[in-house]
């Protein structure tokens, strides 16, 4: 019997980010989505989400791809492509870690509003990278939203000792407000990923 090797369609591979964010990697193709979920004129608090993706040994991963989806500052999701074009708020961004000297991902956006009375402001995250045949889902919550976090059903469903892995830390940078959110694939600070 012939033993066939794995084909490119069966793995993310090291070229996955290049194909989905070609402009970031200086290819002559237009990216469908960039690392910006909102233009500068969009109302709301403009922030950057900055972080690394760490492997089991605590080393930053240079070929991860992060996608984020979120509501606007009023807690409303974009409904159509036309609305996104007209408002400047796309509510979605995609970025790889391979071109930053520190192997970080950086997403420019606005801080989202709560989507419901019993929900905290949050950003949904999809992580893709080499060796992962299926992507992983997690969420970013904000450390300065303690009251809202305490009543968020999804966050409260996570064991108390692991909730901190979903909380981004607010910092003030030279270009404005930054929320630091690192993702750890294994180890003592392993990020909570959701089984969807």
N, C-alpha and C. Protein backbone atom coordinates (compact mmCIF):
# COMPACT_ATOMS: atom_id res chain seq x y z
N UNK A 1 0.83 -1.18 0.00
CA UNK A 1 0.00 0.00 0.00
C UNK A 1 0.88 1.25 0.00
N UNK A 2 0.53 2.23 -0.83
CA UNK A 2 1.29 3.48 -0.92
C UNK A 2 0.95 4.38 0.27
N UNK A 3 1.98 4.91 0.90
CA UNK A 3 1.80 5.81 2.03
C UNK A 3 2.00 7.24 1.51
N UNK A 4 0.94 8.04 1.53
CA UNK A 4 1.01 9.41 1.05
C UNK A 4 1.36 10.36 2.20
N UNK A 5 2.07 11.43 1.86
CA UNK A 5 2.44 12.43 2.86
C UNK A 5 1.35 13.48 2.97
N UNK A 6 1.42 14.26 4.04
CA UNK A 6 0.44 15.31 4.29
C UNK A 6 0.50 16.36 3.18
N UNK A 7 -0.65 16.85 2.76
CA UNK A 7 -0.70 17.87 1.72
C UNK A 7 -0.93 19.24 2.35
N UNK A 8 -0.66 20.33 1.62
CA UNK A 8 -0.82 21.67 2.19
C UNK A 8 -2.22 21.96 2.71
N UNK A 9 -3.24 21.36 2.11
CA UNK A 9 -4.60 21.65 2.56
C UNK A 9 -4.91 21.01 3.92
N UNK A 10 -4.01 20.16 4.42
CA UNK A 10 -4.25 19.47 5.67
C UNK A 10 -3.57 20.13 6.86
N UNK A 11 -2.86 21.17 6.65
CA UNK A 11 -2.17 21.84 7.75
C UNK A 11 -2.14 23.34 7.48
N UNK A 12 -2.03 24.09 8.53
CA UNK A 12 -1.94 25.54 8.39
C UNK A 12 -0.64 25.90 7.71
N UNK A 13 0.45 25.28 8.12
CA UNK A 13 1.74 25.51 7.49
C UNK A 13 2.29 26.90 7.77
N UNK A 14 3.54 27.11 7.46
CA UNK A 14 4.18 28.40 7.73
C UNK A 14 3.76 29.50 6.78
N UNK A 15 3.01 29.17 5.74
CA UNK A 15 2.64 30.14 4.71
C UNK A 15 1.22 30.66 4.88
N UNK A 16 0.53 30.21 5.89
CA UNK A 16 -0.87 30.56 6.07
C UNK A 16 -1.06 32.06 6.25
N UNK A 17 -0.29 32.67 7.14
CA UNK A 17 -0.40 34.11 7.39
C UNK A 17 -0.07 34.90 6.13
N UNK A 18 0.91 34.44 5.36
CA UNK A 18 1.29 35.17 4.16
C UNK A 18 0.12 35.30 3.19
N UNK A 19 -0.66 34.25 3.07
CA UNK A 19 -1.79 34.26 2.14
C UNK A 19 -2.97 35.07 2.62
N UNK A 20 -3.15 35.18 3.94
CA UNK A 20 -4.32 35.90 4.47
C UNK A 20 -4.03 37.36 4.80
N UNK A 21 -2.78 37.72 4.99
CA UNK A 21 -2.41 39.12 5.23
C UNK A 21 -1.19 39.48 4.36
N UNK A 22 -1.34 39.36 3.03
CA UNK A 22 -0.18 39.56 2.15
C UNK A 22 0.44 40.95 2.24
N UNK A 23 -0.36 41.98 2.46
CA UNK A 23 0.20 43.34 2.55
C UNK A 23 1.15 43.45 3.74
N UNK A 24 0.82 42.80 4.85
CA UNK A 24 1.68 42.84 6.03
C UNK A 24 3.05 42.24 5.72
N UNK A 25 3.07 41.25 4.83
CA UNK A 25 4.32 40.58 4.47
C UNK A 25 4.93 41.14 3.18
N UNK A 26 4.44 42.31 2.75
CA UNK A 26 4.97 43.04 1.58
C UNK A 26 4.84 42.28 0.27
N UNK A 27 3.78 41.50 0.12
CA UNK A 27 3.48 40.86 -1.16
C UNK A 27 2.63 41.81 -1.99
N UNK A 28 2.64 41.62 -3.28
CA UNK A 28 1.90 42.49 -4.19
C UNK A 28 0.43 42.09 -4.32
N UNK A 29 -0.17 41.65 -3.26
CA UNK A 29 -1.59 41.30 -3.22
C UNK A 29 -2.27 42.16 -2.18
N UNK A 30 -3.52 42.46 -2.38
CA UNK A 30 -4.27 43.26 -1.41
C UNK A 30 -4.86 42.34 -0.35
N UNK A 31 -4.70 42.71 0.92
CA UNK A 31 -5.30 41.95 2.02
C UNK A 31 -6.78 42.29 2.10
N UNK A 32 -7.60 41.28 2.28
CA UNK A 32 -9.04 41.53 2.47
C UNK A 32 -9.30 42.24 3.79
N UNK A 33 -8.51 41.89 4.81
CA UNK A 33 -8.62 42.53 6.13
C UNK A 33 -7.23 42.89 6.61
N UNK A 34 -7.15 43.94 7.39
CA UNK A 34 -5.87 44.40 7.93
C UNK A 34 -5.90 44.31 9.45
N UNK A 35 -4.87 44.84 10.07
CA UNK A 35 -4.76 44.84 11.52
C UNK A 35 -5.57 45.97 12.17
N UNK A 36 -6.37 46.66 11.39
CA UNK A 36 -7.20 47.75 11.91
C UNK A 36 -8.68 47.40 11.77
N UNK A 37 -9.39 47.41 12.89
CA UNK A 37 -10.83 47.13 12.89
C UNK A 37 -11.65 48.41 12.78
N UNK A 38 -11.00 49.57 12.95
CA UNK A 38 -11.73 50.85 12.94
C UNK A 38 -10.83 51.96 12.44
N UNK A 39 -11.38 52.80 11.58
CA UNK A 39 -10.65 53.98 11.13
C UNK A 39 -10.56 55.00 12.27
N UNK A 40 -9.65 55.95 12.15
CA UNK A 40 -9.40 56.93 13.21
C UNK A 40 -10.62 57.83 13.50
N UNK A 41 -11.49 58.05 12.52
CA UNK A 41 -12.63 58.95 12.75
C UNK A 41 -13.83 58.25 13.38
N UNK A 42 -13.75 56.95 13.61
CA UNK A 42 -14.85 56.21 14.23
C UNK A 42 -15.01 56.65 15.68
N UNK A 43 -16.24 56.95 16.13
CA UNK A 43 -16.45 57.36 17.52
C UNK A 43 -16.10 56.25 18.50
N UNK A 44 -15.59 56.65 19.66
CA UNK A 44 -15.23 55.69 20.70
C UNK A 44 -13.80 55.88 21.14
N UNK A 45 -13.41 55.13 22.17
CA UNK A 45 -12.04 55.20 22.69
C UNK A 45 -11.14 54.33 21.81
N UNK A 46 -10.21 54.98 21.12
CA UNK A 46 -9.30 54.24 20.25
C UNK A 46 -8.22 53.57 21.10
N UNK A 47 -8.02 52.29 20.84
CA UNK A 47 -7.09 51.48 21.61
C UNK A 47 -6.29 50.60 20.67
N UNK A 48 -5.23 50.02 21.20
CA UNK A 48 -4.48 48.98 20.50
C UNK A 48 -4.46 47.75 21.40
N UNK A 49 -4.69 46.60 20.81
CA UNK A 49 -4.53 45.33 21.52
C UNK A 49 -3.18 44.80 21.08
N UNK A 50 -2.29 44.57 22.05
CA UNK A 50 -0.92 44.15 21.75
C UNK A 50 -0.61 42.90 22.56
N UNK A 51 0.01 41.93 21.92
CA UNK A 51 0.39 40.73 22.66
C UNK A 51 1.24 39.79 21.84
N UNK A 52 1.68 38.75 22.52
CA UNK A 52 2.42 37.66 21.90
C UNK A 52 1.63 36.38 22.05
N UNK A 53 1.93 35.43 21.20
CA UNK A 53 1.43 34.08 21.34
C UNK A 53 2.63 33.24 21.74
N UNK A 54 2.53 32.54 22.87
CA UNK A 54 3.66 31.78 23.40
C UNK A 54 3.42 30.28 23.26
N UNK A 55 4.49 29.55 22.91
CA UNK A 55 4.39 28.09 22.82
C UNK A 55 4.55 27.47 24.20
N UNK A 56 4.59 26.14 24.25
CA UNK A 56 4.66 25.41 25.52
C UNK A 56 5.93 25.71 26.31
N UNK A 57 6.99 26.15 25.62
CA UNK A 57 8.25 26.47 26.28
C UNK A 57 8.35 27.95 26.64
N UNK A 58 7.29 28.70 26.40
CA UNK A 58 7.30 30.12 26.73
C UNK A 58 7.99 30.99 25.70
N UNK A 59 8.19 30.48 24.49
CA UNK A 59 8.84 31.25 23.43
C UNK A 59 7.78 31.87 22.53
N UNK A 60 7.98 33.12 22.10
CA UNK A 60 7.01 33.76 21.20
C UNK A 60 6.97 33.04 19.85
N UNK A 61 5.78 32.90 19.31
CA UNK A 61 5.57 32.22 18.04
C UNK A 61 5.54 33.27 16.92
N UNK A 62 6.33 33.03 15.89
CA UNK A 62 6.48 34.00 14.81
C UNK A 62 5.59 33.78 13.61
N UNK A 63 4.76 32.74 13.63
CA UNK A 63 3.90 32.54 12.46
C UNK A 63 2.45 32.29 12.86
N UNK A 64 2.02 32.93 13.93
CA UNK A 64 0.62 32.84 14.34
C UNK A 64 -0.20 33.86 13.56
N UNK A 65 -1.47 33.57 13.40
CA UNK A 65 -2.40 34.47 12.74
C UNK A 65 -3.57 34.69 13.70
N UNK A 66 -3.88 35.94 13.96
CA UNK A 66 -4.94 36.29 14.90
C UNK A 66 -6.04 37.03 14.14
N UNK A 67 -7.28 36.62 14.38
CA UNK A 67 -8.44 37.33 13.86
C UNK A 67 -9.27 37.77 15.05
N UNK A 68 -9.75 39.01 15.00
CA UNK A 68 -10.61 39.52 16.07
C UNK A 68 -11.91 40.03 15.48
N UNK A 69 -12.98 39.86 16.25
CA UNK A 69 -14.31 40.36 15.85
C UNK A 69 -14.92 41.01 17.08
N UNK A 70 -15.61 42.13 16.89
CA UNK A 70 -16.13 42.87 18.02
C UNK A 70 -17.28 43.77 17.64
N UNK A 71 -17.96 44.24 18.67
CA UNK A 71 -19.00 45.25 18.52
C UNK A 71 -18.36 46.64 18.56
N UNK A 72 -19.13 47.65 18.16
CA UNK A 72 -18.64 49.02 18.23
C UNK A 72 -18.75 49.56 19.66
N UNK A 73 -18.49 50.83 19.85
CA UNK A 73 -18.50 51.41 21.20
C UNK A 73 -19.90 51.44 21.82
N UNK A 74 -20.93 51.25 21.00
CA UNK A 74 -22.31 51.19 21.50
C UNK A 74 -22.79 49.75 21.70
N UNK A 75 -21.91 48.77 21.49
CA UNK A 75 -22.29 47.38 21.66
C UNK A 75 -23.03 46.80 20.49
N UNK A 76 -22.87 47.39 19.32
CA UNK A 76 -23.58 46.95 18.12
C UNK A 76 -22.60 46.39 17.09
N UNK A 77 -22.93 45.23 16.53
CA UNK A 77 -22.10 44.62 15.50
C UNK A 77 -22.45 45.19 14.13
N UNK A 78 -21.46 45.28 13.25
CA UNK A 78 -21.68 45.70 11.87
C UNK A 78 -22.58 44.68 11.20
N UNK A 79 -23.55 45.16 10.44
CA UNK A 79 -24.52 44.27 9.81
C UNK A 79 -24.23 43.97 8.33
N UNK A 80 -23.61 44.91 7.64
CA UNK A 80 -23.36 44.72 6.20
C UNK A 80 -21.99 45.29 5.82
N UNK A 81 -21.48 44.84 4.67
CA UNK A 81 -20.23 45.37 4.15
C UNK A 81 -20.37 46.86 3.81
N UNK A 82 -21.54 47.24 3.32
CA UNK A 82 -21.77 48.65 3.00
C UNK A 82 -21.70 49.51 4.27
N UNK A 83 -22.32 49.03 5.33
CA UNK A 83 -22.25 49.76 6.61
C UNK A 83 -20.81 49.91 7.08
N UNK A 84 -20.02 48.88 6.95
CA UNK A 84 -18.61 48.93 7.35
C UNK A 84 -17.86 49.97 6.53
N UNK A 85 -18.08 49.99 5.22
CA UNK A 85 -17.41 50.98 4.36
C UNK A 85 -17.82 52.39 4.72
N UNK A 86 -19.11 52.61 4.94
CA UNK A 86 -19.61 53.97 5.21
C UNK A 86 -19.21 54.47 6.58
N UNK A 87 -19.19 53.60 7.57
CA UNK A 87 -18.91 54.04 8.94
C UNK A 87 -17.42 54.05 9.26
N UNK A 88 -16.62 53.25 8.54
CA UNK A 88 -15.20 53.14 8.87
C UNK A 88 -14.94 52.13 9.98
N UNK A 89 -16.01 51.54 10.51
CA UNK A 89 -15.87 50.51 11.54
C UNK A 89 -16.17 49.15 10.92
N UNK A 90 -15.14 48.33 10.83
CA UNK A 90 -15.29 47.00 10.24
C UNK A 90 -15.64 45.95 11.29
N UNK A 91 -15.18 46.15 12.50
CA UNK A 91 -15.46 45.19 13.57
C UNK A 91 -14.71 43.89 13.41
N UNK A 92 -13.77 43.84 12.50
CA UNK A 92 -12.99 42.63 12.24
C UNK A 92 -11.59 43.05 11.82
N UNK A 93 -10.59 42.34 12.33
CA UNK A 93 -9.20 42.59 11.93
C UNK A 93 -8.46 41.26 11.87
N UNK A 94 -7.41 41.25 11.07
CA UNK A 94 -6.59 40.04 10.92
C UNK A 94 -5.13 40.47 10.88
N UNK A 95 -4.29 39.79 11.66
CA UNK A 95 -2.87 40.15 11.72
C UNK A 95 -2.03 38.92 12.05
N UNK A 96 -0.84 38.89 11.45
CA UNK A 96 0.13 37.84 11.75
C UNK A 96 1.20 38.35 12.71
N UNK A 97 1.92 37.43 13.32
CA UNK A 97 2.98 37.81 14.25
C UNK A 97 4.36 37.83 13.60
N UNK A 98 4.45 37.48 12.33
CA UNK A 98 5.74 37.25 11.70
C UNK A 98 6.54 38.45 11.26
N UNK A 99 5.97 39.63 11.22
CA UNK A 99 6.73 40.79 10.73
C UNK A 99 7.12 41.77 11.84
N UNK A 100 6.63 41.58 13.04
CA UNK A 100 7.00 42.46 14.15
C UNK A 100 8.33 41.97 14.73
N UNK A 101 9.28 42.88 15.01
CA UNK A 101 10.58 42.45 15.55
C UNK A 101 10.46 41.67 16.87
N UNK A 102 9.39 41.94 17.65
CA UNK A 102 9.18 41.23 18.91
C UNK A 102 8.16 40.10 18.77
N UNK A 103 7.80 39.77 17.52
CA UNK A 103 6.84 38.70 17.20
C UNK A 103 5.49 38.93 17.87
N UNK A 104 5.08 40.19 17.94
CA UNK A 104 3.79 40.54 18.53
C UNK A 104 2.74 40.67 17.46
N UNK A 105 1.50 40.65 17.90
CA UNK A 105 0.40 41.09 17.05
C UNK A 105 -0.07 42.41 17.63
N UNK A 106 -0.49 43.31 16.77
CA UNK A 106 -0.98 44.62 17.18
C UNK A 106 -2.25 44.91 16.38
N UNK A 107 -3.36 45.11 17.08
CA UNK A 107 -4.64 45.40 16.44
C UNK A 107 -5.07 46.79 16.86
N UNK A 108 -5.32 47.65 15.89
CA UNK A 108 -5.84 49.00 16.16
C UNK A 108 -7.36 48.95 16.04
N UNK A 109 -8.04 49.44 17.08
CA UNK A 109 -9.50 49.34 17.10
C UNK A 109 -10.06 50.38 18.06
N UNK A 110 -11.31 50.21 18.41
CA UNK A 110 -11.93 51.00 19.47
C UNK A 110 -12.37 50.04 20.56
N UNK A 111 -12.47 50.55 21.76
CA UNK A 111 -12.94 49.70 22.86
C UNK A 111 -14.42 49.42 22.63
N UNK A 112 -14.80 48.13 22.64
CA UNK A 112 -16.20 47.81 22.38
C UNK A 112 -17.11 48.13 23.56
N UNK A 113 -18.37 48.34 23.27
CA UNK A 113 -19.38 48.47 24.32
C UNK A 113 -19.96 47.10 24.61
N UNK A 114 -20.72 47.02 25.69
CA UNK A 114 -21.38 45.77 26.05
C UNK A 114 -22.50 45.48 25.06
N UNK A 115 -22.62 44.24 24.63
CA UNK A 115 -23.64 43.85 23.65
C UNK A 115 -24.98 43.53 24.29
N UNK A 116 -25.02 43.41 25.61
CA UNK A 116 -26.25 43.13 26.35
C UNK A 116 -26.05 43.59 27.80
N UNK A 117 -27.14 43.69 28.55
CA UNK A 117 -27.04 44.14 29.94
C UNK A 117 -26.21 43.21 30.80
N UNK A 118 -26.25 41.92 30.47
CA UNK A 118 -25.50 40.95 31.28
C UNK A 118 -24.20 40.51 30.61
N UNK A 119 -23.68 41.33 29.72
CA UNK A 119 -22.42 41.02 29.03
C UNK A 119 -21.41 42.13 29.26
N UNK A 120 -20.17 41.75 29.44
CA UNK A 120 -19.09 42.72 29.57
C UNK A 120 -18.55 43.05 28.19
N UNK A 121 -17.98 44.24 28.01
CA UNK A 121 -17.31 44.53 26.75
C UNK A 121 -16.23 43.46 26.49
N UNK A 122 -16.16 42.96 25.27
CA UNK A 122 -15.20 41.91 24.96
C UNK A 122 -14.92 41.91 23.47
N UNK A 123 -13.84 41.23 23.12
CA UNK A 123 -13.46 41.01 21.73
C UNK A 123 -13.28 39.51 21.55
N UNK A 124 -13.88 38.95 20.51
CA UNK A 124 -13.73 37.54 20.21
C UNK A 124 -12.47 37.35 19.38
N UNK A 125 -11.73 36.27 19.67
CA UNK A 125 -10.44 36.02 19.03
C UNK A 125 -10.41 34.61 18.45
N UNK A 126 -9.86 34.51 17.25
CA UNK A 126 -9.56 33.22 16.63
C UNK A 126 -8.05 33.17 16.42
N UNK A 127 -7.44 32.07 16.86
CA UNK A 127 -6.00 31.88 16.72
C UNK A 127 -5.75 30.71 15.77
N UNK A 128 -4.89 30.96 14.76
CA UNK A 128 -4.48 29.93 13.82
C UNK A 128 -2.95 29.94 13.76
N UNK A 129 -2.34 28.78 13.59
CA UNK A 129 -0.88 28.73 13.47
C UNK A 129 -0.42 27.36 13.03
N UNK A 130 0.86 27.27 12.77
CA UNK A 130 1.46 26.01 12.32
C UNK A 130 1.13 24.88 13.29
N UNK A 131 0.91 23.72 12.74
CA UNK A 131 0.66 22.56 13.57
C UNK A 131 -0.74 22.45 14.11
N UNK A 132 -1.54 23.48 13.96
CA UNK A 132 -2.92 23.44 14.43
C UNK A 132 -3.82 23.13 13.24
N UNK A 133 -4.48 22.01 13.29
CA UNK A 133 -5.38 21.66 12.19
C UNK A 133 -6.73 22.35 12.35
N UNK A 134 -7.07 22.72 13.57
CA UNK A 134 -8.29 23.46 13.85
C UNK A 134 -7.91 24.73 14.61
N UNK A 135 -8.58 25.82 14.30
CA UNK A 135 -8.29 27.07 14.99
C UNK A 135 -8.86 27.04 16.41
N UNK A 136 -8.34 27.93 17.25
CA UNK A 136 -8.79 28.03 18.64
C UNK A 136 -9.51 29.35 18.86
N UNK A 137 -10.50 29.33 19.75
CA UNK A 137 -11.30 30.50 20.06
C UNK A 137 -11.06 30.94 21.50
N UNK A 138 -10.93 32.23 21.69
CA UNK A 138 -10.87 32.78 23.04
C UNK A 138 -11.53 34.16 23.02
N UNK A 139 -11.50 34.82 24.16
CA UNK A 139 -12.07 36.17 24.27
C UNK A 139 -11.13 37.07 25.04
N UNK A 140 -11.21 38.35 24.71
CA UNK A 140 -10.48 39.36 25.45
C UNK A 140 -11.50 40.18 26.24
N UNK A 141 -11.30 40.22 27.56
CA UNK A 141 -12.05 41.13 28.43
C UNK A 141 -11.07 42.19 28.93
N UNK A 142 -11.57 43.22 29.57
CA UNK A 142 -10.74 44.37 29.94
C UNK A 142 -10.65 44.51 31.45
N UNK A 143 -9.45 44.74 31.97
CA UNK A 143 -9.25 44.79 33.42
C UNK A 143 -9.91 46.00 34.08
N UNK A 144 -10.26 47.03 33.30
CA UNK A 144 -10.92 48.20 33.88
C UNK A 144 -12.44 48.12 33.76
N UNK A 145 -12.96 46.92 33.54
CA UNK A 145 -14.40 46.68 33.47
C UNK A 145 -14.82 45.64 34.51
N UNK A 146 -14.31 45.77 35.73
CA UNK A 146 -14.52 44.75 36.76
C UNK A 146 -15.99 44.48 37.06
N UNK A 147 -16.81 45.51 37.16
CA UNK A 147 -18.23 45.31 37.47
C UNK A 147 -18.93 44.56 36.35
N UNK A 148 -18.66 44.94 35.11
CA UNK A 148 -19.27 44.25 33.97
C UNK A 148 -18.74 42.82 33.85
N UNK A 149 -17.45 42.63 34.10
CA UNK A 149 -16.87 41.29 34.04
C UNK A 149 -17.51 40.36 35.05
N UNK A 150 -17.87 40.89 36.21
CA UNK A 150 -18.44 40.07 37.28
C UNK A 150 -19.82 39.52 36.92
N UNK A 151 -20.51 40.15 35.97
CA UNK A 151 -21.84 39.65 35.60
C UNK A 151 -21.89 39.02 34.21
N UNK A 152 -20.73 38.91 33.54
CA UNK A 152 -20.68 38.32 32.21
C UNK A 152 -20.78 36.80 32.31
N UNK A 153 -21.81 36.22 31.69
CA UNK A 153 -22.09 34.78 31.82
C UNK A 153 -20.95 33.93 31.26
N UNK A 154 -20.37 34.33 30.15
CA UNK A 154 -19.29 33.52 29.56
C UNK A 154 -18.07 33.55 30.46
N UNK A 155 -17.68 34.73 30.90
CA UNK A 155 -16.51 34.83 31.78
C UNK A 155 -16.74 34.10 33.10
N UNK A 156 -17.94 34.20 33.63
CA UNK A 156 -18.24 33.53 34.90
C UNK A 156 -18.30 32.01 34.75
N UNK A 157 -18.45 31.51 33.53
CA UNK A 157 -18.45 30.05 33.32
C UNK A 157 -17.04 29.46 33.38
N UNK A 158 -16.03 30.32 33.35
CA UNK A 158 -14.63 29.88 33.43
C UNK A 158 -14.26 29.75 34.91
N UNK A 159 -13.54 28.69 35.30
CA UNK A 159 -13.11 28.57 36.69
C UNK A 159 -12.39 29.84 37.16
N UNK A 160 -12.69 30.26 38.36
CA UNK A 160 -12.19 31.54 38.89
C UNK A 160 -10.67 31.66 38.78
N UNK A 161 -9.95 30.57 39.03
CA UNK A 161 -8.49 30.62 39.01
C UNK A 161 -7.91 30.76 37.60
N UNK A 162 -8.75 30.64 36.56
CA UNK A 162 -8.26 30.75 35.19
C UNK A 162 -8.78 31.99 34.47
N UNK A 163 -9.69 32.74 35.09
CA UNK A 163 -10.29 33.91 34.42
C UNK A 163 -9.26 34.96 34.03
N UNK A 164 -8.20 35.08 34.83
CA UNK A 164 -7.20 36.11 34.55
C UNK A 164 -6.56 35.93 33.16
N UNK A 165 -6.62 34.71 32.61
CA UNK A 165 -6.02 34.48 31.29
C UNK A 165 -6.84 35.11 30.16
N UNK A 166 -8.03 35.60 30.48
CA UNK A 166 -8.89 36.24 29.49
C UNK A 166 -8.96 37.76 29.66
N UNK A 167 -8.21 38.30 30.61
CA UNK A 167 -8.29 39.72 30.94
C UNK A 167 -7.08 40.47 30.38
N UNK A 168 -7.33 41.44 29.52
CA UNK A 168 -6.27 42.29 28.99
C UNK A 168 -5.96 43.40 29.99
N UNK A 169 -4.69 43.72 30.12
CA UNK A 169 -4.22 44.73 31.07
C UNK A 169 -4.04 46.07 30.36
N UNK A 170 -4.66 47.10 30.94
CA UNK A 170 -4.58 48.44 30.35
C UNK A 170 -3.23 49.08 30.67
N UNK A 171 -2.63 49.68 29.64
CA UNK A 171 -1.38 50.42 29.77
C UNK A 171 -1.51 51.70 28.97
N UNK A 172 -0.72 52.68 29.32
CA UNK A 172 -0.69 53.90 28.53
C UNK A 172 0.61 53.93 27.75
N UNK A 173 0.51 53.99 26.44
CA UNK A 173 1.69 54.02 25.59
C UNK A 173 1.89 55.40 25.00
N UNK A 174 2.95 55.55 24.25
CA UNK A 174 3.25 56.86 23.64
C UNK A 174 2.21 57.25 22.60
N UNK A 175 1.51 56.25 22.04
CA UNK A 175 0.50 56.54 21.02
C UNK A 175 -0.92 56.38 21.53
N UNK A 176 -1.11 56.29 22.84
CA UNK A 176 -2.46 56.16 23.38
C UNK A 176 -2.63 54.94 24.25
N UNK A 177 -3.86 54.50 24.39
CA UNK A 177 -4.20 53.40 25.27
C UNK A 177 -3.91 52.05 24.61
N UNK A 178 -3.23 51.21 25.36
CA UNK A 178 -2.88 49.86 24.92
C UNK A 178 -3.47 48.88 25.92
N UNK A 179 -3.99 47.78 25.41
CA UNK A 179 -4.38 46.66 26.26
C UNK A 179 -3.47 45.50 25.89
N UNK A 180 -2.76 44.99 26.89
CA UNK A 180 -1.83 43.87 26.67
C UNK A 180 -2.58 42.56 26.87
N UNK A 181 -2.53 41.69 25.85
CA UNK A 181 -3.19 40.40 25.92
C UNK A 181 -2.31 39.34 25.27
N UNK A 182 -1.60 38.57 26.10
CA UNK A 182 -0.78 37.48 25.61
C UNK A 182 -1.58 36.19 25.63
N UNK A 183 -1.29 35.32 24.68
CA UNK A 183 -1.93 34.00 24.64
C UNK A 183 -0.86 32.94 24.85
N UNK A 184 -1.10 32.07 25.83
CA UNK A 184 -0.19 30.98 26.14
C UNK A 184 -0.86 29.67 25.76
N UNK A 185 -0.19 28.88 24.93
CA UNK A 185 -0.78 27.63 24.46
C UNK A 185 -0.67 26.50 25.49
N UNK A 186 0.28 26.57 26.37
CA UNK A 186 0.47 25.57 27.43
C UNK A 186 1.13 26.24 28.62
N UNK A 187 1.22 25.51 29.72
CA UNK A 187 1.94 26.01 30.88
C UNK A 187 1.02 26.58 31.94
N UNK A 188 1.62 27.16 32.99
CA UNK A 188 0.83 27.64 34.13
C UNK A 188 -0.13 28.77 33.80
N UNK A 189 0.18 29.56 32.80
CA UNK A 189 -0.70 30.67 32.40
C UNK A 189 -1.46 30.35 31.12
N UNK A 190 -1.68 29.07 30.85
CA UNK A 190 -2.37 28.67 29.62
C UNK A 190 -3.68 29.43 29.47
N UNK A 191 -3.84 30.05 28.33
CA UNK A 191 -5.05 30.82 28.03
C UNK A 191 -6.25 29.88 27.92
N UNK A 192 -7.38 30.34 28.39
CA UNK A 192 -8.61 29.57 28.23
C UNK A 192 -9.05 29.69 26.78
N UNK A 193 -9.23 28.55 26.13
CA UNK A 193 -9.77 28.50 24.79
C UNK A 193 -11.11 27.78 24.87
N UNK A 194 -12.07 28.24 24.10
CA UNK A 194 -13.44 27.72 24.17
C UNK A 194 -13.67 26.65 23.12
N UNK A 195 -14.41 25.64 23.49
CA UNK A 195 -14.77 24.56 22.58
C UNK A 195 -16.10 24.91 21.95
N UNK A 196 -16.07 25.40 20.70
CA UNK A 196 -17.28 25.83 20.01
C UNK A 196 -17.69 24.84 18.95
